[in-house]
Amino acid sequence: MKFLTNAVLLLCGSAVLAGSAATDAPSWSAAMVKLRDIGYPSLSTPSPGPTQGAGHELWMQRDKNATLERGVTERLCGKIGDSALPLQAELKALKDVPMGDRRWMDLYVKASQLSLKPGDRTITFERSFIEVLCRSLGETAAPVTAELASMKTVPPGDGRWQELYLKLCRQRNKQRLYLLFTKQFTKQFPMETIWFAQDLAAFSGTNKLSAGFDMFVQKDRDAAFERSLVEQACKELNPAGAAPIKAGLDALGSAAADDPRWLDLYQTACLQRRKQRLQPLLAKTQDIIFVKHLVFASKSGLQNCHEYEGDERPTGLFKLDLRPELEGRRAVVSTLIPGDDGIMRDP
């Protein structure tokens, strides 16, 4: 059973459930080429201008949600007690005010001033406001955190605090857009996206995939990045499988980074690696039965599945047919028992 569990994870690219809709090789390559042409919501480069990236709907969306600002101010007001009642009224009036609005920082400064106790050291509350937001955002706020360190002598009320706050909001917006982008791109190309993430050997950290996309869309560079992807995928191949891939690398030589043959060769290497990885599993079985259900939120939910009846998330008993993999095609998922009228819990 442990072997089968590991094999299923391997089949799924170690992260994405098997059975996603298959995509033709040219479709993924074409999407990557388009990505290079129009850019994407990068975490480490400036936001797209009014025309850059206009060909992609994700670039045109903007999330102005100020939940984070509201949360940090509410927590501070809770520490103040009855003295914060006037601030609570102001907070309520900011219900529909987007992040980045100066009133969020001003209200936090007021709350901070009220929270001071006799003998407390007076600090620049604008700095405190941005520091709290940066801590909540983690690595996403790294560019702003670095700039904040250089503003030790900026006095309270200086306009540069609002400018820095707006930079932080733009960074948060890029993070939201990036997450939306990767979610949709992964949904459309699950296997290829996981291959790409697996082979980013030169990157690390929680934003590894973002760094890979950053590098891929860069202009005016050589093809060292593309070559490294192919070489990384080639490492697991046996000599017979690696030979044609290495011959392809030799043939490409110093081809430009935007030469589509790089993507074609990389995908060929990944498909060969996938085929080789699946050989031990295919020698043992060609069918896998599995259950798909939502994550049960509690022990009670696990024991009393009727609590989730009517939930629209997919559930059921399925079969994974591995036979197409013998011919170089994707495994096929079929439904054995649909979960339309309840929850399928155990296989």
Protein backbone atom coordinates (compact mmCIF):
# COMPACT_ATOMS: atom_id res chain seq x y z
CA MET A 1 0.00 0.00 0.00
CA LYS A 2 2.87 2.39 0.80
CA PHE A 3 4.32 1.67 -2.65
CA LEU A 4 1.00 2.51 -4.30
CA THR A 5 0.61 5.70 -2.25
CA ASN A 6 4.08 6.90 -3.27
CA ALA A 7 3.40 5.91 -6.86
CA VAL A 8 0.18 7.93 -6.94
CA LEU A 9 2.04 10.97 -5.62
CA LEU A 10 4.70 10.44 -8.26
CA LEU A 11 2.09 10.15 -10.96
CA CYS A 12 0.49 13.34 -9.76
CA GLY A 13 3.72 15.32 -10.07
CA SER A 14 4.13 15.15 -6.28
CA ALA A 15 1.55 17.91 -5.80
CA VAL A 16 -1.39 17.84 -8.22
CA LEU A 17 -4.12 15.22 -8.18
CA ALA A 18 -4.06 12.85 -11.11
CA GLY A 19 -6.97 12.87 -13.47
CA SER A 20 -6.84 16.54 -14.44
CA ALA A 21 -7.84 17.28 -17.97
CA ALA A 22 -5.03 16.46 -20.37
CA THR A 23 -3.47 19.28 -22.34
CA ASP A 24 -1.75 19.02 -25.69
CA ALA A 25 1.96 19.81 -25.66
CA PRO A 26 1.67 22.83 -28.02
CA SER A 27 -0.94 24.43 -25.73
CA TRP A 28 1.43 24.65 -22.78
CA SER A 29 4.29 25.86 -24.95
CA ALA A 30 2.04 28.49 -26.52
CA ALA A 31 0.91 29.65 -23.07
CA MET A 32 4.51 30.02 -21.91
CA VAL A 33 5.41 31.98 -25.04
CA LYS A 34 2.44 34.30 -24.43
CA LEU A 35 3.53 34.66 -20.82
CA ARG A 36 6.93 35.86 -22.01
CA ASP A 37 5.31 38.34 -24.41
CA ILE A 38 2.84 39.98 -22.02
CA GLY A 39 4.54 39.50 -18.65
CA TYR A 40 2.82 38.45 -15.43
CA PRO A 41 2.24 39.82 -11.90
CA SER A 42 5.80 39.37 -10.69
CA LEU A 43 6.64 39.73 -7.00
CA SER A 44 10.07 41.24 -7.55
CA THR A 45 9.56 43.57 -10.53
CA PRO A 46 7.46 46.76 -10.86
CA SER A 47 3.74 46.41 -11.47
CA PRO A 48 2.60 46.46 -15.12
CA GLY A 49 1.84 49.87 -16.55
CA PRO A 50 -1.56 50.85 -18.01
CA THR A 51 -0.80 49.13 -21.33
CA GLN A 52 1.75 46.46 -20.45
CA GLY A 53 0.03 43.11 -20.05
CA ALA A 54 -3.33 44.41 -21.24
CA GLY A 55 -3.81 41.22 -23.23
CA HIS A 56 -4.38 39.15 -20.09
CA GLU A 57 -7.42 39.61 -17.88
CA LEU A 58 -5.53 38.84 -14.67
CA TRP A 59 -3.36 41.90 -15.14
CA MET A 60 -6.43 44.14 -15.24
CA GLN A 61 -7.85 43.06 -11.89
CA ARG A 62 -7.19 45.00 -8.70
CA ASP A 63 -8.06 43.86 -5.18
CA LYS A 64 -8.52 46.82 -2.83
CA ASN A 65 -9.52 44.81 0.24
CA ALA A 66 -8.34 46.48 3.46
CA THR A 67 -8.95 43.53 5.80
CA LEU A 68 -5.37 43.65 7.07
CA GLU A 69 -5.55 47.37 8.00
CA ARG A 70 -8.88 46.85 9.72
CA GLY A 71 -7.56 43.86 11.65
CA VAL A 72 -4.43 45.52 13.06
CA THR A 73 -6.42 48.63 14.06
CA GLU A 74 -9.17 46.59 15.73
CA ARG A 75 -6.59 44.64 17.74
CA LEU A 76 -5.01 47.88 18.92
CA CYS A 77 -8.41 49.36 19.84
CA GLY A 78 -9.19 46.22 21.83
CA LYS A 79 -6.17 46.89 24.04
CA ILE A 80 -7.24 50.48 24.73
CA GLY A 81 -10.68 49.74 26.14
CA ASP A 82 -13.45 52.34 26.49
CA SER A 83 -11.17 55.12 25.27
CA ALA A 84 -11.30 53.56 21.83
CA LEU A 85 -15.08 54.00 21.37
CA PRO A 86 -14.70 57.12 19.17
CA LEU A 87 -12.13 55.24 17.08
CA GLN A 88 -14.53 52.31 16.70
CA ALA A 89 -17.02 54.73 15.14
CA GLU A 90 -14.35 55.97 12.72
CA LEU A 91 -13.41 52.39 11.94
CA LYS A 92 -17.02 51.62 11.09
CA ALA A 93 -17.11 54.65 8.77
CA LEU A 94 -14.13 53.18 6.87
CA LYS A 95 -16.11 50.07 5.95
CA ASP A 96 -15.77 50.51 2.17
CA VAL A 97 -12.49 52.44 2.11
CA PRO A 98 -9.81 50.58 0.11
CA MET A 99 -6.30 49.77 1.27
CA GLY A 100 -3.82 52.53 0.54
CA ASP A 101 -6.15 55.29 1.72
CA ARG A 102 -4.37 57.70 4.09
CA ARG A 103 -7.21 57.42 6.62
CA TRP A 104 -6.13 53.88 7.58
CA MET A 105 -2.71 55.08 8.66
CA ASP A 106 -4.15 58.15 10.41
CA LEU A 107 -6.60 56.03 12.40
CA TYR A 108 -3.85 53.63 13.46
CA VAL A 109 -1.71 56.57 14.60
CA LYS A 110 -4.62 57.89 16.69
CA ALA A 111 -5.12 54.50 18.29
CA SER A 112 -1.39 54.19 18.99
CA GLN A 113 -1.32 57.59 20.69
CA LEU A 114 -4.24 56.59 22.92
CA SER A 115 -2.50 53.33 23.81
CA LEU A 116 0.51 55.15 25.27
CA LYS A 117 0.92 54.87 29.01
CA PRO A 118 2.72 57.38 31.26
CA GLY A 119 6.43 56.94 30.79
CA ASP A 120 6.17 55.18 27.44
CA ARG A 121 8.69 56.24 24.82
CA THR A 122 7.10 58.20 21.98
CA ILE A 123 7.77 56.54 18.63
CA THR A 124 6.93 57.23 15.01
CA PHE A 125 3.56 55.53 14.76
CA GLU A 126 3.59 55.58 10.98
CA ARG A 127 6.64 53.34 11.15
CA SER A 128 4.86 51.08 13.62
CA PHE A 129 1.85 50.82 11.28
CA ILE A 130 3.98 49.76 8.32
CA GLU A 131 6.07 47.39 10.44
CA VAL A 132 2.93 45.59 11.66
CA LEU A 133 1.67 45.21 8.10
CA CYS A 134 5.07 43.98 6.90
CA ARG A 135 5.23 41.32 9.62
CA SER A 136 1.81 40.07 8.58
CA LEU A 137 2.85 39.79 4.94
CA GLY A 138 6.18 37.99 5.46
CA GLU A 139 8.44 37.62 2.41
CA THR A 140 5.96 39.50 0.23
CA ALA A 141 6.89 42.72 2.04
CA ALA A 142 10.67 42.26 1.69
CA PRO A 143 11.21 45.22 -0.72
CA VAL A 144 9.28 47.57 1.61
CA THR A 145 11.00 46.23 4.73
CA ALA A 146 14.38 47.03 3.17
CA GLU A 147 13.31 50.59 2.40
CA LEU A 148 11.82 51.01 5.87
CA ALA A 149 15.24 50.31 7.39
CA SER A 150 16.65 53.37 5.62
CA MET A 151 13.96 55.72 7.02
CA LYS A 152 15.10 55.87 10.64
CA THR A 153 15.31 59.67 10.67
CA VAL A 154 12.06 60.43 8.83
CA PRO A 155 9.83 62.41 11.25
CA PRO A 156 6.15 61.73 12.03
CA GLY A 157 3.70 63.26 9.55
CA ASP A 158 6.23 63.20 6.70
CA GLY A 159 4.62 62.37 3.34
CA ARG A 160 7.20 59.66 2.70
CA TRP A 161 5.38 57.40 5.16
CA GLN A 162 2.24 57.46 3.01
CA GLU A 163 4.35 56.83 -0.11
CA LEU A 164 5.88 53.78 1.56
CA TYR A 165 2.46 52.58 2.64
CA LEU A 166 1.25 52.82 -0.97
CA LYS A 167 4.30 50.81 -2.11
CA LEU A 168 3.37 48.13 0.39
CA CYS A 169 -0.20 48.09 -0.93
CA ARG A 170 1.06 47.66 -4.49
CA GLN A 171 3.26 44.79 -3.31
CA ARG A 172 0.26 43.14 -1.64
CA ASN A 173 -1.74 43.59 -4.81
CA LYS A 174 0.99 41.88 -6.85
CA GLN A 175 1.00 38.99 -4.37
CA ARG A 176 -2.76 38.55 -4.75
CA LEU A 177 -2.55 38.73 -8.53
CA TYR A 178 0.36 36.29 -8.55
CA LEU A 179 -1.56 33.77 -6.43
CA LEU A 180 -4.56 34.11 -8.73
CA PHE A 181 -2.32 33.68 -11.76
CA THR A 182 -0.55 30.57 -10.45
CA LYS A 183 -3.87 29.04 -9.37
CA GLN A 184 -5.38 29.43 -12.82
CA PHE A 185 -2.21 28.51 -14.70
CA THR A 186 -1.75 25.41 -12.55
CA LYS A 187 -5.39 24.46 -13.05
CA GLN A 188 -5.02 24.72 -16.82
CA PHE A 189 -1.58 23.07 -16.99
CA PRO A 190 -1.22 21.07 -13.75
CA MET A 191 1.42 18.58 -14.85
CA GLU A 192 3.59 21.07 -16.74
CA THR A 193 3.53 23.61 -13.90
CA ILE A 194 4.70 20.96 -11.43
CA TRP A 195 7.46 19.87 -13.80
CA PHE A 196 8.56 23.50 -14.04
CA ALA A 197 8.57 23.88 -10.24
CA GLN A 198 10.48 20.62 -9.76
CA ASP A 199 13.28 21.69 -12.09
CA LEU A 200 13.96 25.15 -10.64
CA ALA A 201 17.16 23.88 -9.05
CA ALA A 202 18.73 27.34 -8.87
CA PHE A 203 15.92 28.78 -6.71
CA SER A 204 14.64 28.16 -3.20
CA GLY A 205 12.17 29.59 -0.69
CA THR A 206 8.42 30.00 -0.64
CA ASN A 207 8.46 32.14 -3.79
CA LYS A 208 10.47 29.64 -5.81
CA LEU A 209 7.88 29.35 -8.58
CA SER A 210 7.60 33.13 -8.79
CA ALA A 211 11.38 33.39 -9.18
CA GLY A 212 11.22 30.84 -12.00
CA PHE A 213 8.56 32.78 -13.86
CA ASP A 214 10.54 36.00 -13.24
CA MET A 215 13.58 34.51 -14.91
CA PHE A 216 11.62 33.01 -17.79
CA VAL A 217 10.00 36.31 -18.84
CA GLN A 218 13.21 38.37 -18.68
CA LYS A 219 14.23 39.94 -21.97
CA ASP A 220 17.69 40.19 -23.52
CA ARG A 221 19.32 37.22 -21.81
CA ASP A 222 20.97 33.99 -22.95
CA ALA A 223 19.33 30.57 -22.72
CA ALA A 224 21.23 29.35 -19.64
CA PHE A 225 17.95 29.13 -17.72
CA GLU A 226 16.24 27.01 -20.38
CA ARG A 227 19.29 24.81 -20.67
CA SER A 228 19.31 24.28 -16.89
CA LEU A 229 15.66 23.16 -16.97
CA VAL A 230 16.40 20.54 -19.62
CA GLU A 231 19.53 19.35 -17.83
CA GLN A 232 17.67 19.07 -14.52
CA ALA A 233 14.93 16.96 -16.11
CA CYS A 234 17.61 14.85 -17.79
CA LYS A 235 19.33 13.90 -14.52
CA GLU A 236 16.86 11.12 -13.73
CA LEU A 237 16.93 9.56 -17.18
CA ASN A 238 18.83 6.38 -17.91
CA PRO A 239 21.52 6.57 -20.64
CA ALA A 240 19.12 5.44 -23.38
CA GLY A 241 16.51 8.03 -22.43
CA ALA A 242 19.04 10.83 -21.92
CA ALA A 243 20.90 10.35 -25.22
CA PRO A 244 18.34 12.02 -27.55
CA ILE A 245 17.83 14.87 -25.04
CA LYS A 246 21.56 15.58 -24.86
CA ALA A 247 21.73 15.43 -28.65
CA GLY A 248 18.95 18.03 -28.71
CA LEU A 249 20.92 20.27 -26.37
CA ASP A 250 23.96 20.01 -28.61
CA ALA A 251 21.83 20.87 -31.64
CA LEU A 252 20.42 23.97 -29.94
CA GLY A 253 23.91 25.23 -29.09
CA SER A 254 23.68 28.96 -28.44
CA ALA A 255 20.08 29.37 -29.62
CA ALA A 256 18.26 32.40 -28.18
CA ALA A 257 16.22 32.04 -24.99
CA ASP A 258 12.97 32.70 -26.85
CA ASP A 259 13.60 29.92 -29.38
CA PRO A 260 10.53 27.63 -29.02
CA ARG A 261 12.72 24.55 -29.43
CA TRP A 262 13.88 24.95 -25.82
CA LEU A 263 10.35 24.44 -24.51
CA ASP A 264 9.75 21.55 -26.89
CA LEU A 265 12.95 19.81 -25.79
CA TYR A 266 12.21 20.45 -22.12
CA GLN A 267 8.74 18.95 -22.44
CA THR A 268 10.15 15.94 -24.30
CA ALA A 269 12.61 15.38 -21.45
CA CYS A 270 9.83 15.67 -18.86
CA LEU A 271 7.61 13.19 -20.70
CA GLN A 272 10.52 10.72 -20.90
CA ARG A 273 11.20 11.19 -17.20
CA ARG A 274 7.54 10.63 -16.39
CA LYS A 275 7.50 7.44 -18.44
CA GLN A 276 10.60 6.17 -16.66
CA ARG A 277 9.24 7.07 -13.22
CA LEU A 278 6.04 5.13 -13.87
CA GLN A 279 7.68 1.93 -15.06
CA PRO A 280 7.84 0.29 -11.58
CA LEU A 281 4.19 1.11 -10.96
CA LEU A 282 3.00 -0.06 -14.38
CA ALA A 283 4.79 -3.37 -13.83
CA LYS A 284 2.61 -3.98 -10.76
CA THR A 285 -0.79 -2.56 -11.67
CA GLN A 286 -2.65 -0.59 -14.31
CA ASP A 287 -5.67 0.44 -12.23
CA ILE A 288 -5.86 2.45 -8.99
CA ILE A 289 -9.09 2.96 -7.06
CA PHE A 290 -9.28 6.13 -4.98
CA VAL A 291 -11.73 8.39 -3.14
CA LYS A 292 -12.04 12.13 -3.59
CA HIS A 293 -13.64 14.19 -0.82
CA LEU A 294 -13.32 17.50 0.97
CA VAL A 295 -11.02 17.88 3.97
CA PHE A 296 -13.02 17.03 7.08
CA ALA A 297 -12.68 19.91 9.52
CA SER A 298 -13.13 17.90 12.73
CA LYS A 299 -13.33 14.42 14.23
CA SER A 300 -17.08 14.88 14.37
CA GLY A 301 -17.14 15.67 10.67
CA LEU A 302 -15.11 12.55 9.94
CA GLN A 303 -17.45 10.34 11.95
CA ASN A 304 -20.72 11.97 10.89
CA CYS A 305 -20.32 12.69 7.20
CA HIS A 306 -23.99 13.62 6.92
CA GLU A 307 -22.98 17.03 8.26
CA TYR A 308 -21.54 17.73 4.81
CA GLU A 309 -24.53 16.55 2.77
CA GLY A 310 -25.40 19.08 0.11
CA ASP A 311 -21.83 20.35 -0.10
CA GLU A 312 -21.08 21.16 -3.74
CA ARG A 313 -17.43 20.14 -3.64
CA PRO A 314 -16.80 16.98 -5.71
CA THR A 315 -16.74 13.61 -4.01
CA GLY A 316 -16.99 10.00 -5.12
CA LEU A 317 -15.18 6.76 -5.84
CA PHE A 318 -12.95 6.86 -8.92
CA LYS A 319 -10.67 4.67 -10.98
CA LEU A 320 -7.33 5.79 -12.39
CA ASP A 321 -6.60 3.89 -15.62
CA LEU A 322 -2.85 3.82 -16.25
CA ARG A 323 -2.97 1.97 -19.58
CA PRO A 324 -2.74 5.14 -21.72
CA GLU A 325 0.62 5.86 -20.06
CA LEU A 326 2.03 2.82 -21.89
CA GLU A 327 1.39 4.71 -25.13
CA GLY A 328 2.73 8.06 -23.96
CA ARG A 329 -0.68 9.54 -23.12
CA ARG A 330 -2.13 10.70 -19.82
CA ALA A 331 -3.82 8.37 -17.35
CA VAL A 332 -7.61 8.55 -17.45
CA VAL A 333 -9.94 8.97 -14.47
CA SER A 334 -13.44 7.51 -14.56
CA THR A 335 -16.22 7.71 -11.95
CA LEU A 336 -17.26 4.44 -10.32
CA ILE A 337 -19.68 5.84 -7.74
CA PRO A 338 -20.62 9.55 -7.82
CA GLY A 339 -21.09 11.32 -4.51
CA ASP A 340 -24.10 13.33 -5.61
CA ASP A 341 -26.27 12.19 -2.71
CA GLY A 342 -23.71 12.19 0.09
CA ILE A 343 -20.05 12.03 0.98
CA MET A 344 -17.67 9.25 -0.06
CA ARG A 345 -15.31 8.80 2.86
CA ASP A 346 -13.38 5.51 2.67
CA PRO A 347 -12.13 3.55 -0.35
